[in-house]
């Protein structure tokens, strides 16, 4: 992995070392998976289910995204998805606009970093 890429991830509050440990201690494997993240459909599907009023399916997508971002060490994205998960867990989407906007912003930011090094 390029030093600049690693440094930029760490600067963006990515738990790089913890994530690499979850990827059997291999920066190369972690990097390979990182390049796949911008194509992850969970956020888009979450928004689609919300637009249809399907709270149960939206919750499942948010919960999956929570796990994925935790494994990748994306602290800012993870911390933004947690409130979305909890709102949806209640069976409602009331008050989700602001947390969802923050989630999208943080997700877009990490994707922009990854895409820069693809």
N, C-alpha and C. Protein backbone atom coordinates (compact mmCIF):
# COMPACT_ATOMS: atom_id res chain seq x y z
N UNK A 1 0.86 -1.18 0.00
CA UNK A 1 0.00 0.00 0.00
C UNK A 1 0.90 1.24 0.00
N UNK A 2 0.50 2.20 -0.80
CA UNK A 2 1.26 3.45 -0.85
C UNK A 2 1.19 4.16 0.50
N UNK A 3 2.32 4.70 0.91
CA UNK A 3 2.38 5.42 2.18
C UNK A 3 1.39 6.58 2.20
N UNK A 4 1.26 7.30 1.08
CA UNK A 4 0.35 8.43 1.02
C UNK A 4 -1.10 8.00 1.26
N UNK A 5 -1.47 6.85 0.70
CA UNK A 5 -2.82 6.33 0.87
C UNK A 5 -3.06 5.98 2.33
N UNK A 6 -2.14 5.24 2.91
CA UNK A 6 -2.24 4.87 4.32
C UNK A 6 -2.33 6.11 5.21
N UNK A 7 -1.46 7.07 4.96
CA UNK A 7 -1.46 8.29 5.77
C UNK A 7 -2.77 9.06 5.64
N UNK A 8 -3.31 9.10 4.44
CA UNK A 8 -4.57 9.83 4.24
C UNK A 8 -5.73 9.12 4.94
N UNK A 9 -5.72 7.80 4.91
CA UNK A 9 -6.76 7.04 5.63
C UNK A 9 -6.68 7.32 7.12
N UNK A 10 -5.48 7.28 7.66
CA UNK A 10 -5.30 7.52 9.10
C UNK A 10 -5.73 8.95 9.44
N UNK A 11 -5.37 9.90 8.60
CA UNK A 11 -5.77 11.29 8.82
C UNK A 11 -7.29 11.45 8.79
N UNK A 12 -7.96 10.58 8.02
CA UNK A 12 -9.43 10.61 7.91
C UNK A 12 -10.09 9.82 9.03
N UNK A 13 -9.34 9.50 10.08
CA UNK A 13 -9.85 8.82 11.26
C UNK A 13 -10.23 7.36 10.98
N UNK A 14 -9.46 6.71 10.14
CA UNK A 14 -9.63 5.28 9.89
C UNK A 14 -8.72 4.53 10.88
N UNK A 15 -9.29 3.53 11.53
CA UNK A 15 -8.51 2.68 12.43
C UNK A 15 -7.75 1.68 11.55
N UNK A 16 -6.69 2.18 10.96
CA UNK A 16 -5.94 1.41 9.97
C UNK A 16 -5.38 0.12 10.56
N UNK A 17 -4.69 0.22 11.68
CA UNK A 17 -4.06 -0.97 12.26
C UNK A 17 -5.09 -1.99 12.71
N UNK A 18 -6.17 -1.55 13.31
CA UNK A 18 -7.22 -2.47 13.72
C UNK A 18 -7.85 -3.17 12.53
N UNK A 19 -8.07 -2.40 11.45
CA UNK A 19 -8.66 -2.99 10.25
C UNK A 19 -7.71 -3.99 9.62
N UNK A 20 -6.45 -3.65 9.51
CA UNK A 20 -5.48 -4.58 8.93
C UNK A 20 -5.45 -5.88 9.74
N UNK A 21 -5.52 -5.78 11.05
CA UNK A 21 -5.57 -6.98 11.89
C UNK A 21 -6.78 -7.85 11.55
N UNK A 22 -7.91 -7.21 11.25
CA UNK A 22 -9.11 -7.98 10.89
C UNK A 22 -8.99 -8.61 9.50
N UNK A 23 -8.04 -8.11 8.71
CA UNK A 23 -7.78 -8.67 7.38
C UNK A 23 -6.49 -9.49 7.44
N UNK A 24 -6.46 -10.39 8.38
CA UNK A 24 -5.36 -11.33 8.67
C UNK A 24 -3.99 -10.67 8.68
N UNK A 25 -3.94 -9.42 9.10
CA UNK A 25 -2.67 -8.72 9.25
C UNK A 25 -2.03 -8.30 7.94
N UNK A 26 -2.79 -8.36 6.86
CA UNK A 26 -2.23 -8.06 5.54
C UNK A 26 -2.73 -6.72 4.99
N UNK A 27 -1.81 -5.77 4.84
CA UNK A 27 -2.18 -4.49 4.23
C UNK A 27 -2.63 -4.70 2.78
N UNK A 28 -2.03 -5.65 2.10
CA UNK A 28 -2.41 -5.91 0.70
C UNK A 28 -3.85 -6.40 0.58
N UNK A 29 -4.25 -7.31 1.46
CA UNK A 29 -5.63 -7.80 1.42
C UNK A 29 -6.59 -6.68 1.80
N UNK A 30 -6.24 -5.92 2.84
CA UNK A 30 -7.07 -4.80 3.25
C UNK A 30 -7.24 -3.82 2.10
N UNK A 31 -6.15 -3.49 1.44
CA UNK A 31 -6.21 -2.56 0.31
C UNK A 31 -7.11 -3.10 -0.80
N UNK A 32 -6.99 -4.38 -1.09
CA UNK A 32 -7.83 -4.99 -2.12
C UNK A 32 -9.32 -4.82 -1.78
N UNK A 33 -9.66 -5.05 -0.53
CA UNK A 33 -11.05 -4.90 -0.12
C UNK A 33 -11.47 -3.43 -0.07
N UNK A 34 -10.56 -2.55 0.32
CA UNK A 34 -10.87 -1.12 0.34
C UNK A 34 -11.37 -0.64 -1.02
N UNK A 35 -10.73 -1.10 -2.07
CA UNK A 35 -11.10 -0.67 -3.42
C UNK A 35 -12.51 -1.11 -3.80
N UNK A 36 -13.03 -2.09 -3.10
CA UNK A 36 -14.40 -2.56 -3.37
C UNK A 36 -15.46 -1.71 -2.66
N UNK A 37 -15.05 -1.04 -1.59
CA UNK A 37 -16.04 -0.32 -0.77
C UNK A 37 -16.85 0.73 -1.53
N UNK A 38 -16.25 1.55 -2.39
CA UNK A 38 -17.07 2.55 -3.09
C UNK A 38 -18.21 1.95 -3.92
N UNK A 39 -18.12 0.68 -4.25
CA UNK A 39 -19.18 0.00 -5.01
C UNK A 39 -20.22 -0.65 -4.11
N UNK A 40 -20.03 -0.56 -2.80
CA UNK A 40 -20.97 -1.16 -1.85
C UNK A 40 -22.35 -0.52 -2.03
N UNK A 41 -23.37 -1.33 -2.12
CA UNK A 41 -24.73 -0.86 -2.42
C UNK A 41 -25.60 -0.63 -1.18
N UNK A 42 -25.09 -0.91 0.00
CA UNK A 42 -25.93 -0.84 1.20
C UNK A 42 -26.53 0.54 1.44
N UNK A 43 -25.76 1.60 1.27
CA UNK A 43 -26.28 2.94 1.52
C UNK A 43 -27.34 3.31 0.49
N UNK A 44 -27.08 3.03 -0.77
CA UNK A 44 -28.05 3.33 -1.82
C UNK A 44 -29.34 2.53 -1.60
N UNK A 45 -29.21 1.28 -1.21
CA UNK A 45 -30.39 0.45 -0.97
C UNK A 45 -31.13 0.92 0.28
N UNK A 46 -30.39 1.36 1.28
CA UNK A 46 -31.00 1.94 2.49
C UNK A 46 -31.89 3.12 2.11
N UNK A 47 -31.35 4.02 1.29
CA UNK A 47 -32.12 5.18 0.85
C UNK A 47 -33.33 4.77 0.01
N UNK A 48 -33.14 3.78 -0.83
CA UNK A 48 -34.25 3.29 -1.66
C UNK A 48 -35.37 2.73 -0.79
N UNK A 49 -35.01 1.92 0.18
CA UNK A 49 -36.03 1.36 1.07
C UNK A 49 -36.72 2.46 1.89
N UNK A 50 -35.96 3.46 2.32
CA UNK A 50 -36.57 4.58 3.05
C UNK A 50 -37.57 5.31 2.16
N UNK A 51 -37.22 5.51 0.91
CA UNK A 51 -38.12 6.23 0.00
C UNK A 51 -39.42 5.46 -0.22
N UNK A 52 -39.36 4.15 -0.06
CA UNK A 52 -40.54 3.30 -0.22
C UNK A 52 -41.28 3.08 1.09
N UNK A 53 -40.70 3.59 2.18
CA UNK A 53 -41.32 3.41 3.49
C UNK A 53 -41.11 2.03 4.08
N UNK A 54 -40.15 1.28 3.55
CA UNK A 54 -39.86 -0.07 4.02
C UNK A 54 -38.79 0.02 5.12
N UNK A 55 -39.25 0.30 6.32
CA UNK A 55 -38.35 0.53 7.45
C UNK A 55 -37.57 -0.73 7.81
N UNK A 56 -38.22 -1.88 7.77
CA UNK A 56 -37.56 -3.13 8.13
C UNK A 56 -36.37 -3.41 7.22
N UNK A 57 -36.56 -3.26 5.92
CA UNK A 57 -35.47 -3.50 4.97
C UNK A 57 -34.40 -2.42 5.07
N UNK A 58 -34.82 -1.19 5.31
CA UNK A 58 -33.85 -0.10 5.50
C UNK A 58 -32.99 -0.37 6.72
N UNK A 59 -33.60 -0.86 7.78
CA UNK A 59 -32.85 -1.21 8.99
C UNK A 59 -31.80 -2.27 8.69
N UNK A 60 -32.19 -3.30 7.94
CA UNK A 60 -31.24 -4.37 7.60
C UNK A 60 -30.04 -3.82 6.84
N UNK A 61 -30.29 -2.92 5.89
CA UNK A 61 -29.18 -2.34 5.12
C UNK A 61 -28.30 -1.46 6.00
N UNK A 62 -28.92 -0.67 6.87
CA UNK A 62 -28.15 0.18 7.78
C UNK A 62 -27.31 -0.67 8.73
N UNK A 63 -27.89 -1.74 9.23
CA UNK A 63 -27.18 -2.62 10.15
C UNK A 63 -26.02 -3.31 9.45
N UNK A 64 -26.21 -3.72 8.22
CA UNK A 64 -25.13 -4.31 7.43
C UNK A 64 -24.02 -3.30 7.21
N UNK A 65 -24.39 -2.07 6.86
CA UNK A 65 -23.40 -1.02 6.65
C UNK A 65 -22.62 -0.74 7.94
N UNK A 66 -23.29 -0.81 9.04
CA UNK A 66 -22.63 -0.63 10.34
C UNK A 66 -21.53 -1.68 10.52
N UNK A 67 -21.83 -2.92 10.21
CA UNK A 67 -20.84 -3.99 10.34
C UNK A 67 -19.69 -3.84 9.36
N UNK A 68 -20.03 -3.50 8.13
CA UNK A 68 -19.00 -3.33 7.10
C UNK A 68 -18.04 -2.21 7.48
N UNK A 69 -18.59 -1.07 7.86
CA UNK A 69 -17.73 0.07 8.19
C UNK A 69 -16.91 -0.18 9.45
N UNK A 70 -17.45 -0.95 10.36
CA UNK A 70 -16.68 -1.33 11.54
C UNK A 70 -15.49 -2.19 11.15
N UNK A 71 -15.72 -3.17 10.30
CA UNK A 71 -14.63 -4.04 9.85
C UNK A 71 -13.55 -3.28 9.09
N UNK A 72 -13.96 -2.31 8.29
CA UNK A 72 -13.01 -1.51 7.53
C UNK A 72 -12.29 -0.46 8.39
N UNK A 73 -12.76 -0.26 9.61
CA UNK A 73 -12.15 0.72 10.49
C UNK A 73 -12.53 2.16 10.18
N UNK A 74 -13.63 2.34 9.45
CA UNK A 74 -14.09 3.68 9.06
C UNK A 74 -14.84 4.31 10.23
N UNK A 75 -14.11 4.82 11.19
CA UNK A 75 -14.70 5.31 12.43
C UNK A 75 -15.77 6.37 12.18
N UNK A 76 -15.50 7.35 11.32
CA UNK A 76 -16.46 8.43 11.08
C UNK A 76 -17.74 7.93 10.41
N UNK A 77 -17.60 6.98 9.51
CA UNK A 77 -18.79 6.43 8.85
C UNK A 77 -19.57 5.56 9.85
N UNK A 78 -18.84 4.75 10.59
CA UNK A 78 -19.47 3.90 11.60
C UNK A 78 -20.25 4.75 12.62
N UNK A 79 -19.60 5.79 13.12
CA UNK A 79 -20.27 6.64 14.12
C UNK A 79 -21.48 7.36 13.53
N UNK A 80 -21.47 7.60 12.23
CA UNK A 80 -22.62 8.24 11.58
C UNK A 80 -23.74 7.25 11.31
N UNK A 81 -23.42 5.99 11.09
CA UNK A 81 -24.47 5.01 10.79
C UNK A 81 -25.18 4.52 12.05
N UNK A 82 -24.51 4.56 13.18
CA UNK A 82 -25.11 4.06 14.43
C UNK A 82 -26.45 4.76 14.73
N UNK A 83 -26.54 6.10 14.70
CA UNK A 83 -27.84 6.73 14.97
C UNK A 83 -28.91 6.35 13.94
N UNK A 84 -28.51 6.14 12.70
CA UNK A 84 -29.47 5.72 11.66
C UNK A 84 -30.03 4.34 12.02
N UNK A 85 -29.15 3.44 12.41
CA UNK A 85 -29.57 2.10 12.81
C UNK A 85 -30.55 2.18 13.98
N UNK A 86 -30.21 2.99 14.97
CA UNK A 86 -31.06 3.07 16.17
C UNK A 86 -32.43 3.69 15.87
N UNK A 87 -32.46 4.69 15.01
CA UNK A 87 -33.75 5.27 14.63
C UNK A 87 -34.61 4.21 13.94
N UNK A 88 -34.01 3.51 13.00
CA UNK A 88 -34.76 2.49 12.25
C UNK A 88 -35.13 1.30 13.12
N UNK A 89 -34.29 0.99 14.09
CA UNK A 89 -34.58 -0.12 15.01
C UNK A 89 -35.90 0.12 15.74
N UNK A 90 -36.24 1.40 15.94
CA UNK A 90 -37.48 1.75 16.63
C UNK A 90 -38.71 1.48 15.78
N UNK A 91 -38.50 1.18 14.48
CA UNK A 91 -39.62 0.91 13.60
C UNK A 91 -40.15 2.14 12.90
N UNK A 92 -39.40 3.23 12.99
CA UNK A 92 -39.81 4.49 12.39
C UNK A 92 -38.61 5.14 11.72
N UNK A 93 -38.90 6.09 10.85
CA UNK A 93 -37.81 6.87 10.25
C UNK A 93 -37.87 8.32 10.71
N UNK A 94 -38.68 8.60 11.72
CA UNK A 94 -38.80 9.96 12.25
C UNK A 94 -37.44 10.46 12.75
N UNK A 95 -37.04 11.62 12.26
CA UNK A 95 -35.80 12.23 12.68
C UNK A 95 -34.55 11.70 11.99
N UNK A 96 -34.73 10.96 10.91
CA UNK A 96 -33.58 10.32 10.26
C UNK A 96 -32.85 11.24 9.29
N UNK A 97 -33.45 12.36 8.91
CA UNK A 97 -32.88 13.20 7.85
C UNK A 97 -31.46 13.68 8.17
N UNK A 98 -31.27 14.25 9.34
CA UNK A 98 -29.95 14.78 9.71
C UNK A 98 -28.91 13.67 9.86
N UNK A 99 -29.21 12.61 10.62
CA UNK A 99 -28.22 11.53 10.72
C UNK A 99 -27.91 10.88 9.36
N UNK A 100 -28.90 10.76 8.51
CA UNK A 100 -28.68 10.18 7.19
C UNK A 100 -27.80 11.08 6.33
N UNK A 101 -28.01 12.39 6.42
CA UNK A 101 -27.18 13.33 5.67
C UNK A 101 -25.72 13.25 6.13
N UNK A 102 -25.51 13.14 7.44
CA UNK A 102 -24.15 13.01 7.97
C UNK A 102 -23.53 11.70 7.50
N UNK A 103 -24.29 10.64 7.51
CA UNK A 103 -23.81 9.34 7.04
C UNK A 103 -23.37 9.43 5.58
N UNK A 104 -24.20 10.04 4.76
CA UNK A 104 -23.87 10.17 3.33
C UNK A 104 -22.60 11.00 3.14
N UNK A 105 -22.49 12.10 3.89
CA UNK A 105 -21.31 12.96 3.79
C UNK A 105 -20.04 12.20 4.18
N UNK A 106 -20.08 11.50 5.30
CA UNK A 106 -18.91 10.76 5.76
C UNK A 106 -18.57 9.60 4.82
N UNK A 107 -19.59 8.93 4.31
CA UNK A 107 -19.39 7.85 3.37
C UNK A 107 -18.76 8.37 2.07
N UNK A 108 -19.29 9.47 1.57
CA UNK A 108 -18.74 10.06 0.34
C UNK A 108 -17.28 10.47 0.52
N UNK A 109 -16.96 10.99 1.69
CA UNK A 109 -15.59 11.43 1.96
C UNK A 109 -14.62 10.25 1.91
N UNK A 110 -14.95 9.16 2.59
CA UNK A 110 -14.04 8.01 2.60
C UNK A 110 -13.95 7.40 1.20
N UNK A 111 -15.05 7.39 0.47
CA UNK A 111 -15.02 6.88 -0.90
C UNK A 111 -14.14 7.74 -1.80
N UNK A 112 -14.16 9.04 -1.58
CA UNK A 112 -13.32 9.93 -2.41
C UNK A 112 -11.84 9.65 -2.17
N UNK A 113 -11.48 9.34 -0.95
CA UNK A 113 -10.09 9.00 -0.65
C UNK A 113 -9.71 7.70 -1.35
N UNK A 114 -10.56 6.71 -1.21
CA UNK A 114 -10.27 5.40 -1.82
C UNK A 114 -10.17 5.53 -3.32
N UNK A 115 -11.13 6.23 -3.91
CA UNK A 115 -11.15 6.36 -5.37
C UNK A 115 -9.91 7.09 -5.91
N UNK A 116 -9.34 7.97 -5.11
CA UNK A 116 -8.15 8.71 -5.52
C UNK A 116 -6.96 7.77 -5.73
N UNK A 117 -6.96 6.64 -5.02
CA UNK A 117 -5.80 5.73 -5.08
C UNK A 117 -6.09 4.45 -5.86
N UNK A 118 -7.25 4.33 -6.43
CA UNK A 118 -7.58 3.13 -7.21
C UNK A 118 -6.68 3.00 -8.42
